[in-house]
Amino acid sequence: MQALNRKLLRDLWRIKGQATAISMVIAVGVLMYIMYLSAFDSLQVTRSSYYERQRFADVFASLKRAPLSLGSRIASIPGVSQAETRVVVDVTLDVEGLAEPATGRLVSVPDRQRQILNDVALSAGRYIEAGRPDEVIVSEGFAQAHLLRPGSTVRAILNGRRRDLEVVGIGLSPEYIYTIRPGDLMPDDKRFGVFWMERRALAAAFDMEGGFNDVALTLMPGTEPDAVIDALDDLLRPYGGWGAIPRALQLSHWSVDNELKGLQGAGIVVPMVFLGVAAFLLHVVLRRIVAVQREQIATLKALGYSNRLLATHYVQWALAISLLGTLAGTAGGMLLGRGMLSLYNEFFRFPELEYRLEPEVVVGAVAIGIVAAILGANSAVRQAVRLQPAEAMRPEPPTKFRVSVAERLGLGRLL
């Protein structure tokens, strides 16, 4: 093997341009694989822990108005673990610097911080205090778009009355990871924001004392949401219920989930295209090398080199190129994966979005690089192994020959 290894290095150096080009194709495939799947893992793990920490609901429903007494009947539906009734209202905001009014979604929260569904995670400031009806916590995207901070005020129209809302905190909620105004195609933090307001103050402003118009539920493990949704719809129908939906159809979750599916799909399909091209290029180049080295292969076999050694030699040739591309692609994938994840912060709002590169992803990248090399080398290796020493001493004859149409027309002399 020592002599074959020296031959391998000489061969690679002789075709270093082609070897580098094939390595770069493999590198791009591995880069795409690591970039997409590491971003997928980072988003998925972050979302799961965020949902669990802030108690993201499993079922959502909106209605016109129902009495608070209905909340106990909702909580007693079989399979319901926790029920949260709320007041949710969209209002017009008069924001300085905007040519047209913005929209604010007011969501009621208790006057004292406790564990509730779809809880608010504070990133700055404090929680609202009881007895201060104009205090609000504003969503992070809207606050950043308008340079709001604790102590700022936002003018809003609440049920026909103008009120100045005092920002005491900036927060995030798993219910609004993807914050989009109804009817819009893309998030617009300048024109849509979420405000969490003390429940009694919000209910008083919209004649909702003793009532609610929104409900969120979490389910017991193993409970199918369809049966709970049917029972919930039956209870809310007399009160103008618009139809309950499972978590899968909640707008923010649906948007994030579709993005995750897209990342996962792209992380499998796109790299396969590049690695398929790389395998084809390895196949072409190795076949040419074996054809050119027929006499060398014959001499090596005559000197006692076994088919196994020669097969290993040409597989190593492909693996060396693949390894170079895999190392470059892994480094580039980690770098671009971090950059890709930072782009998601412009659309998805998480308290913390840390980059994660799971060992399984790196192992998978190395594995597909090896598979591409073996697939590319397979045909050339079989060709080298099949050669008999006496036959390989003379040039390879054409597999078939016939006079072409160009030659029949007299054009052969021009070619």
Protein backbone atom coordinates (compact mmCIF):
# COMPACT_ATOMS: atom_id res chain seq x y z
CA MET A 1 0.00 0.00 0.00
CA GLN A 2 2.93 2.37 0.56
CA ALA A 3 3.79 2.40 -3.13
CA LEU A 4 0.09 2.79 -4.05
CA ASN A 5 -0.25 5.68 -1.62
CA ARG A 6 2.64 7.50 -3.31
CA LYS A 7 0.96 6.83 -6.65
CA LEU A 8 -2.30 8.22 -5.24
CA LEU A 9 -0.64 11.49 -4.21
CA ARG A 10 1.04 11.85 -7.61
CA ASP A 11 -2.26 11.18 -9.41
CA LEU A 12 -4.13 13.73 -7.31
CA TRP A 13 -1.46 16.35 -7.87
CA ARG A 14 -1.49 15.70 -11.61
CA ILE A 15 -5.24 16.45 -11.82
CA LYS A 16 -5.40 18.93 -8.93
CA GLY A 17 -7.63 21.30 -10.89
CA GLN A 18 -10.30 18.69 -11.54
CA ALA A 19 -9.95 17.29 -8.01
CA THR A 20 -10.43 20.76 -6.51
CA ALA A 21 -13.48 21.43 -8.69
CA ILE A 22 -15.14 18.16 -7.64
CA SER A 23 -14.27 18.86 -3.99
CA MET A 24 -15.99 22.23 -4.23
CA VAL A 25 -19.15 20.63 -5.63
CA ILE A 26 -19.15 18.22 -2.68
CA ALA A 27 -18.40 21.15 -0.34
CA VAL A 28 -21.47 23.04 -1.56
CA GLY A 29 -23.67 19.98 -1.05
CA VAL A 30 -22.36 19.42 2.47
CA LEU A 31 -22.61 23.15 3.21
CA MET A 32 -26.28 23.21 2.21
CA TYR A 33 -26.98 20.09 4.27
CA ILE A 34 -25.41 21.50 7.44
CA MET A 35 -26.74 25.04 6.94
CA TYR A 36 -30.37 24.01 6.47
CA LEU A 37 -30.52 21.19 9.03
CA SER A 38 -28.61 23.05 11.74
CA ALA A 39 -30.99 26.00 11.32
CA PHE A 40 -33.90 23.54 11.45
CA ASP A 41 -32.63 21.96 14.68
CA SER A 42 -31.97 25.36 16.25
CA LEU A 43 -35.46 26.65 15.48
CA GLN A 44 -37.19 23.43 16.48
CA VAL A 45 -35.42 23.07 19.84
CA THR A 46 -35.88 26.76 20.65
CA ARG A 47 -39.58 26.65 19.77
CA SER A 48 -40.24 23.51 21.82
CA SER A 49 -38.57 24.87 24.95
CA TYR A 50 -40.28 28.25 24.48
CA TYR A 51 -43.71 26.62 24.13
CA GLU A 52 -43.17 24.56 27.26
CA ARG A 53 -41.79 27.41 29.35
CA GLN A 54 -44.56 29.88 28.44
CA ARG A 55 -47.35 27.25 28.35
CA PHE A 56 -48.48 27.63 24.76
CA ALA A 57 -52.08 26.50 24.32
CA ASP A 58 -53.30 23.54 22.28
CA VAL A 59 -56.73 24.88 21.27
CA PHE A 60 -57.88 28.46 20.50
CA ALA A 61 -61.33 29.96 20.05
CA SER A 62 -62.82 33.43 19.54
CA LEU A 63 -66.42 34.52 20.07
CA LYS A 64 -68.59 37.60 20.37
CA ARG A 65 -69.16 37.59 24.14
CA ALA A 66 -69.80 34.99 26.83
CA PRO A 67 -70.21 35.23 30.60
CA LEU A 68 -67.28 34.32 32.83
CA SER A 69 -69.39 31.56 34.39
CA LEU A 70 -69.00 29.63 31.14
CA GLY A 71 -65.29 29.27 31.88
CA SER A 72 -65.88 26.54 34.48
CA ARG A 73 -67.91 24.50 31.98
CA ILE A 74 -65.15 24.86 29.41
CA ALA A 75 -62.54 23.73 31.94
CA SER A 76 -64.62 20.63 32.72
CA ILE A 77 -64.60 19.38 29.11
CA PRO A 78 -63.02 15.87 29.15
CA GLY A 79 -59.34 16.06 28.21
CA VAL A 80 -58.87 19.76 29.10
CA SER A 81 -55.93 20.39 31.41
CA GLN A 82 -56.20 24.19 31.73
CA ALA A 83 -58.57 26.82 30.33
CA GLU A 84 -57.85 30.53 30.04
CA THR A 85 -60.57 33.05 29.18
CA ARG A 86 -59.45 36.43 27.87
CA VAL A 87 -60.52 39.69 26.33
CA VAL A 88 -58.83 40.34 22.97
CA VAL A 89 -59.59 43.48 20.94
CA ASP A 90 -57.96 45.14 17.93
CA VAL A 91 -57.72 48.93 18.19
CA THR A 92 -56.41 51.84 16.15
CA LEU A 93 -53.10 53.38 17.20
CA ASP A 94 -52.06 56.95 16.52
CA VAL A 95 -48.29 56.61 16.17
CA GLU A 96 -46.09 59.61 15.47
CA GLY A 97 -44.33 59.40 12.12
CA LEU A 98 -46.84 57.10 10.40
CA ALA A 99 -48.94 58.46 7.54
CA GLU A 100 -51.77 56.03 8.33
CA PRO A 101 -52.94 54.59 11.66
CA ALA A 102 -51.39 51.40 12.98
CA THR A 103 -53.26 48.48 14.50
CA GLY A 104 -52.77 47.28 18.03
CA ARG A 105 -54.07 44.03 19.47
CA LEU A 106 -54.94 44.38 23.16
CA VAL A 107 -54.76 41.10 25.08
CA SER A 108 -55.92 40.89 28.68
CA VAL A 109 -53.62 39.56 31.41
CA PRO A 110 -54.11 39.28 35.20
CA ASP A 111 -53.20 42.31 37.32
CA ARG A 112 -50.70 40.15 39.18
CA GLN A 113 -48.17 37.98 37.40
CA ARG A 114 -48.96 34.28 37.61
CA GLN A 115 -48.70 31.19 35.44
CA ILE A 116 -51.14 31.63 32.56
CA LEU A 117 -51.41 30.14 29.10
CA ASN A 118 -49.53 31.95 26.33
CA ASP A 119 -47.63 33.79 29.05
CA VAL A 120 -45.58 36.92 28.35
CA ALA A 121 -41.79 36.69 28.58
CA LEU A 122 -40.39 40.10 29.54
CA SER A 123 -37.29 41.25 27.70
CA ALA A 124 -37.23 44.72 29.31
CA GLY A 125 -39.14 46.67 31.96
CA ARG A 126 -41.62 45.18 34.42
CA TYR A 127 -45.03 43.58 34.67
CA ILE A 128 -48.17 45.74 34.93
CA GLU A 129 -49.41 46.78 38.38
CA ALA A 130 -52.93 46.54 39.74
CA GLY A 131 -54.86 49.80 39.87
CA ARG A 132 -53.04 51.36 36.93
CA PRO A 133 -55.43 50.88 34.00
CA ASP A 134 -53.27 52.53 31.33
CA GLU A 135 -50.16 50.38 31.80
CA VAL A 136 -49.30 47.96 28.99
CA ILE A 137 -46.58 45.57 27.92
CA VAL A 138 -45.78 45.97 24.22
CA SER A 139 -44.48 43.34 21.80
CA GLU A 140 -40.77 43.53 21.10
CA GLY A 141 -41.03 43.98 17.33
CA PHE A 142 -43.36 46.98 17.59
CA ALA A 143 -41.22 48.51 20.33
CA GLN A 144 -38.06 48.22 18.25
CA ALA A 145 -39.76 49.60 15.13
CA HIS A 146 -40.88 52.74 17.02
CA LEU A 147 -38.00 53.02 19.51
CA LEU A 148 -40.36 52.46 22.45
CA ARG A 149 -38.98 51.68 25.89
CA PRO A 150 -40.40 51.53 29.43
CA GLY A 151 -41.81 54.98 30.15
CA SER A 152 -42.91 55.69 26.56
CA THR A 153 -46.57 56.32 25.72
CA VAL A 154 -48.69 55.16 22.79
CA ARG A 155 -51.97 56.85 21.86
CA ALA A 156 -54.82 54.43 21.11
CA ILE A 157 -58.54 54.63 20.34
CA LEU A 158 -60.37 52.38 22.81
CA ASN A 159 -64.07 52.03 22.03
CA GLY A 160 -64.22 55.54 20.53
CA ARG A 161 -62.15 57.18 23.30
CA ARG A 162 -58.58 58.32 22.97
CA ARG A 163 -56.23 57.08 25.68
CA ASP A 164 -52.52 57.31 26.25
CA LEU A 165 -51.14 53.88 27.10
CA GLU A 166 -47.99 53.83 29.21
CA VAL A 167 -45.40 51.24 28.21
CA VAL A 168 -44.00 49.60 31.34
CA GLY A 169 -42.51 46.51 29.75
CA ILE A 170 -41.45 44.92 26.48
CA GLY A 171 -42.29 41.29 25.99
CA LEU A 172 -42.78 38.27 23.80
CA SER A 173 -45.36 35.51 23.67
CA PRO A 174 -45.37 32.09 21.97
CA GLU A 175 -48.73 33.07 20.53
CA TYR A 176 -47.03 35.80 18.47
CA ILE A 177 -43.68 34.39 17.39
CA TYR A 178 -44.78 35.38 13.89
CA THR A 179 -46.57 38.69 14.43
CA ILE A 180 -48.75 39.56 11.45
CA ARG A 181 -51.80 41.77 11.09
CA PRO A 182 -54.92 39.99 9.79
CA GLY A 183 -55.06 40.33 6.01
CA ASP A 184 -51.35 41.12 5.56
CA LEU A 185 -48.99 38.89 3.61
CA MET A 186 -45.86 39.71 5.59
CA PRO A 187 -45.15 40.92 9.14
CA ASP A 188 -45.03 44.70 9.50
CA ASP A 189 -43.82 45.67 12.96
CA LYS A 190 -44.36 49.35 12.24
CA ARG A 191 -48.08 48.95 11.63
CA PHE A 192 -49.04 46.08 13.91
CA GLY A 193 -48.20 45.43 17.53
CA VAL A 194 -49.50 43.39 20.46
CA PHE A 195 -50.23 45.02 23.83
CA TRP A 196 -50.90 43.14 27.05
CA MET A 197 -53.20 45.10 29.35
CA GLU A 198 -54.71 44.52 32.78
CA ARG A 199 -57.94 42.55 32.36
CA ARG A 200 -60.31 44.74 34.38
CA ALA A 201 -59.13 47.89 32.61
CA LEU A 202 -59.50 46.32 29.16
CA ALA A 203 -62.90 44.79 29.98
CA ALA A 204 -64.18 48.11 31.32
CA ALA A 205 -63.09 49.95 28.18
CA PHE A 206 -65.06 47.58 25.91
CA ASP A 207 -68.08 46.72 28.11
CA MET A 208 -66.69 43.24 28.79
CA GLU A 209 -67.00 43.24 32.59
CA GLY A 210 -68.00 39.75 33.64
CA GLY A 211 -67.42 38.37 30.17
CA PHE A 212 -64.79 37.22 27.68
CA ASN A 213 -64.42 36.91 23.92
CA ASP A 214 -61.41 34.64 23.60
CA VAL A 215 -60.40 31.32 25.15
CA ALA A 216 -57.29 29.14 25.08
CA LEU A 217 -56.98 25.54 26.27
CA THR A 218 -54.22 23.06 26.99
CA LEU A 219 -54.99 19.37 26.76
CA MET A 220 -54.01 16.38 28.83
CA PRO A 221 -51.34 14.11 27.31
CA GLY A 222 -52.78 11.76 24.73
CA THR A 223 -56.00 13.75 24.23
CA GLU A 224 -57.17 14.16 20.65
CA PRO A 225 -58.04 17.82 19.98
CA ASP A 226 -60.97 17.08 17.62
CA ALA A 227 -63.30 15.85 20.37
CA VAL A 228 -62.41 18.81 22.61
CA ILE A 229 -62.94 21.25 19.73
CA ASP A 230 -66.39 19.82 19.00
CA ALA A 231 -67.42 20.11 22.66
CA LEU A 232 -66.01 23.65 22.87
CA ASP A 233 -67.87 24.72 19.72
CA ASP A 234 -71.12 23.39 21.18
CA LEU A 235 -70.62 25.54 24.29
CA LEU A 236 -69.61 28.70 22.40
CA ARG A 237 -72.11 28.54 19.54
CA PRO A 238 -74.90 30.35 21.45
CA TYR A 239 -72.43 33.15 22.25
CA GLY A 240 -71.27 33.87 18.72
CA GLY A 241 -68.41 31.40 18.58
CA TRP A 242 -66.44 31.53 15.34
CA GLY A 243 -65.15 27.96 15.54
CA ALA A 244 -62.27 26.64 17.64
CA ILE A 245 -59.00 25.66 15.98
CA PRO A 246 -56.16 23.37 17.07
CA ARG A 247 -52.62 24.58 17.60
CA ALA A 248 -51.69 23.33 14.11
CA LEU A 249 -53.90 26.03 12.54
CA GLN A 250 -52.96 28.88 14.87
CA LEU A 251 -51.41 31.49 12.55
CA SER A 252 -48.08 31.97 14.29
CA HIS A 253 -47.50 28.26 14.90
CA TRP A 254 -48.62 27.39 11.35
CA SER A 255 -46.15 29.90 9.87
CA VAL A 256 -43.21 28.66 11.95
CA ASP A 257 -44.13 25.02 11.31
CA ASN A 258 -44.24 25.55 7.54
CA GLU A 259 -40.86 27.23 7.64
CA LEU A 260 -39.42 24.30 9.59
CA LYS A 261 -40.83 21.82 7.07
CA GLY A 262 -39.33 23.88 4.24
CA LEU A 263 -35.94 23.94 5.94
CA GLN A 264 -35.97 20.21 6.52
CA GLY A 265 -37.04 19.47 2.96
CA ALA A 266 -34.45 21.81 1.45
CA GLY A 267 -31.79 20.32 3.71
CA ILE A 268 -32.37 16.94 2.10
CA VAL A 269 -33.29 17.72 -1.53
CA VAL A 270 -30.82 20.52 -2.40
CA PRO A 271 -27.66 18.74 -1.10
CA MET A 272 -28.65 15.57 -2.98
CA VAL A 273 -28.54 17.50 -6.26
CA PHE A 274 -24.97 18.70 -5.65
CA LEU A 275 -23.78 15.35 -4.34
CA GLY A 276 -25.36 13.58 -7.31
CA VAL A 277 -23.42 15.88 -9.65
CA ALA A 278 -20.24 15.24 -7.65
CA ALA A 279 -20.74 11.47 -7.89
CA PHE A 280 -21.20 11.79 -11.66
CA LEU A 281 -18.02 13.87 -12.02
CA LEU A 282 -16.05 11.37 -9.93
CA HIS A 283 -17.40 8.60 -12.13
CA VAL A 284 -16.30 10.35 -15.33
CA VAL A 285 -12.83 11.32 -14.10
CA LEU A 286 -12.05 7.96 -12.49
CA ARG A 287 -13.18 6.06 -15.58
CA ARG A 288 -10.81 8.18 -17.67
CA ILE A 289 -7.95 7.60 -15.24
CA VAL A 290 -8.47 3.83 -15.23
CA ALA A 291 -8.56 3.86 -19.04
CA VAL A 292 -5.32 5.84 -19.21
CA GLN A 293 -3.62 3.68 -16.57
CA ARG A 294 -4.43 0.31 -18.17
CA GLU A 295 -0.77 -0.59 -18.55
CA GLN A 296 0.01 0.48 -14.98
CA ILE A 297 -2.83 -1.66 -13.65
CA ALA A 298 -1.60 -4.63 -15.75
CA THR A 299 1.94 -4.23 -14.42
CA LEU A 300 0.76 -3.96 -10.81
CA LYS A 301 -1.33 -7.12 -11.19
CA ALA A 302 1.59 -8.94 -12.82
CA LEU A 303 3.77 -7.97 -9.85
CA GLY A 304 1.28 -9.53 -7.44
CA TYR A 305 -0.98 -6.66 -6.39
CA SER A 306 -4.40 -8.12 -5.62
CA ASN A 307 -7.73 -6.88 -6.88
CA ARG A 308 -8.60 -5.83 -3.32
CA LEU A 309 -5.54 -3.56 -3.07
CA LEU A 310 -6.23 -1.97 -6.44
CA ALA A 311 -9.92 -1.47 -5.59
CA THR A 312 -8.94 0.14 -2.29
CA HIS A 313 -6.48 2.40 -4.11
CA TYR A 314 -9.10 3.87 -6.45
CA VAL A 315 -11.73 4.14 -3.71
CA GLN A 316 -9.19 6.09 -1.64
CA TRP A 317 -8.71 8.38 -4.63
CA ALA A 318 -12.42 9.28 -4.52
CA LEU A 319 -12.51 9.43 -0.71
CA ALA A 320 -9.59 11.87 -0.58
CA ILE A 321 -11.45 14.29 -2.84
CA SER A 322 -14.66 13.77 -0.87
CA LEU A 323 -12.93 14.35 2.48
CA LEU A 324 -11.49 17.65 1.31
CA GLY A 325 -14.92 18.83 0.16
CA THR A 326 -16.63 17.57 3.32
CA LEU A 327 -14.24 19.46 5.61
CA ALA A 328 -14.66 22.69 3.63
CA GLY A 329 -18.44 22.25 3.47
CA THR A 330 -18.73 21.57 7.20
CA ALA A 331 -16.83 24.75 8.10
CA GLY A 332 -18.83 26.81 5.61
CA GLY A 333 -22.13 25.25 6.72
CA MET A 334 -21.51 26.20 10.35
CA LEU A 335 -20.69 29.78 9.37
CA LEU A 336 -23.65 30.23 7.03
CA GLY A 337 -25.97 28.37 9.42
CA ARG A 338 -25.32 31.01 12.07
CA GLY A 339 -25.92 33.76 9.53
CA MET A 340 -29.13 32.13 8.32
CA LEU A 341 -30.42 31.84 11.88
CA SER A 342 -29.79 35.54 12.51
CA LEU A 343 -32.02 36.34 9.51
CA TYR A 344 -34.91 34.54 11.17
CA ASN A 345 -34.79 37.03 14.03
CA GLU A 346 -36.24 39.57 11.60
CA PHE A 347 -39.41 37.49 11.19
CA PHE A 348 -39.70 35.18 14.20
CA ARG A 349 -39.55 36.51 17.74
CA PHE A 350 -37.96 34.26 20.36
CA PRO A 351 -36.55 35.33 23.74
CA GLU A 352 -33.36 33.47 22.81
CA LEU A 353 -32.44 31.96 19.47
CA GLU A 354 -29.13 30.11 19.84
CA TYR A 355 -27.36 28.26 17.06
CA ARG A 356 -27.14 24.50 17.55
CA LEU A 357 -25.18 22.03 15.46
CA GLU A 358 -26.10 18.52 16.49
CA PRO A 359 -23.40 15.81 16.13
CA GLU A 360 -25.87 13.76 14.09
CA VAL A 361 -25.91 16.45 11.41
CA VAL A 362 -22.11 16.43 11.08
CA VAL A 363 -22.06 12.62 10.98
CA GLY A 364 -24.77 12.71 8.31
CA ALA A 365 -22.75 15.20 6.24
CA VAL A 366 -19.66 13.00 6.41
CA ALA A 367 -21.75 9.94 5.54
CA ILE A 368 -23.32 11.45 2.43
CA GLY A 369 -19.88 12.68 1.30
CA ILE A 370 -18.55 9.12 1.61
CA VAL A 371 -21.58 7.70 -0.18
CA ALA A 372 -21.10 10.16 -3.06
CA ALA A 373 -17.44 9.12 -3.33
CA ILE A 374 -18.24 5.40 -3.31
CA LEU A 375 -21.01 5.78 -5.88
CA GLY A 376 -18.72 7.79 -8.12
CA ALA A 377 -15.85 5.31 -7.80
CA ASN A 378 -17.94 2.16 -8.11
CA SER A 379 -17.91 1.80 -11.89
CA ALA A 380 -14.22 2.68 -12.27
CA VAL A 381 -13.23 0.25 -9.51
CA ARG A 382 -15.13 -2.60 -11.15
CA GLN A 383 -13.48 -1.70 -14.45
CA ALA A 384 -9.99 -1.85 -12.90
CA VAL A 385 -10.66 -5.11 -11.06
CA ARG A 386 -11.97 -6.86 -14.19
CA LEU A 387 -8.83 -6.09 -16.25
CA GLN A 388 -6.60 -9.08 -16.92
CA PRO A 389 -2.82 -8.35 -17.06
CA ALA A 390 -2.29 -9.69 -20.59
CA GLU A 391 -5.37 -7.90 -21.93
CA ALA A 392 -4.50 -4.61 -20.22
CA MET A 393 -1.03 -4.52 -21.84
CA ARG A 394 -2.58 -3.35 -25.11
CA PRO A 395 -4.83 -0.29 -25.69
CA GLU A 396 -8.54 -0.76 -25.12
CA PRO A 397 -10.38 -1.45 -28.40
CA PRO A 398 -13.58 0.47 -29.19
CA THR A 399 -16.70 -1.28 -27.97
CA LYS A 400 -18.30 -0.76 -31.41
CA PHE A 401 -17.49 1.08 -34.64
CA ARG A 402 -19.50 2.28 -37.56
CA VAL A 403 -19.18 4.96 -40.23
CA SER A 404 -20.96 8.08 -39.11
CA VAL A 405 -23.39 10.17 -41.14
CA ALA A 406 -20.84 13.03 -41.21
CA GLU A 407 -18.25 10.73 -42.80
CA ARG A 408 -20.74 9.46 -45.37
CA LEU A 409 -21.41 13.06 -46.37
CA GLY A 410 -17.70 13.73 -46.77
CA LEU A 411 -17.48 15.99 -43.72
CA GLY A 412 -15.14 13.70 -41.82
CA ARG A 413 -12.02 15.38 -43.21
CA LEU A 414 -13.15 18.70 -41.73
CA LEU A 415 -13.39 17.30 -38.19
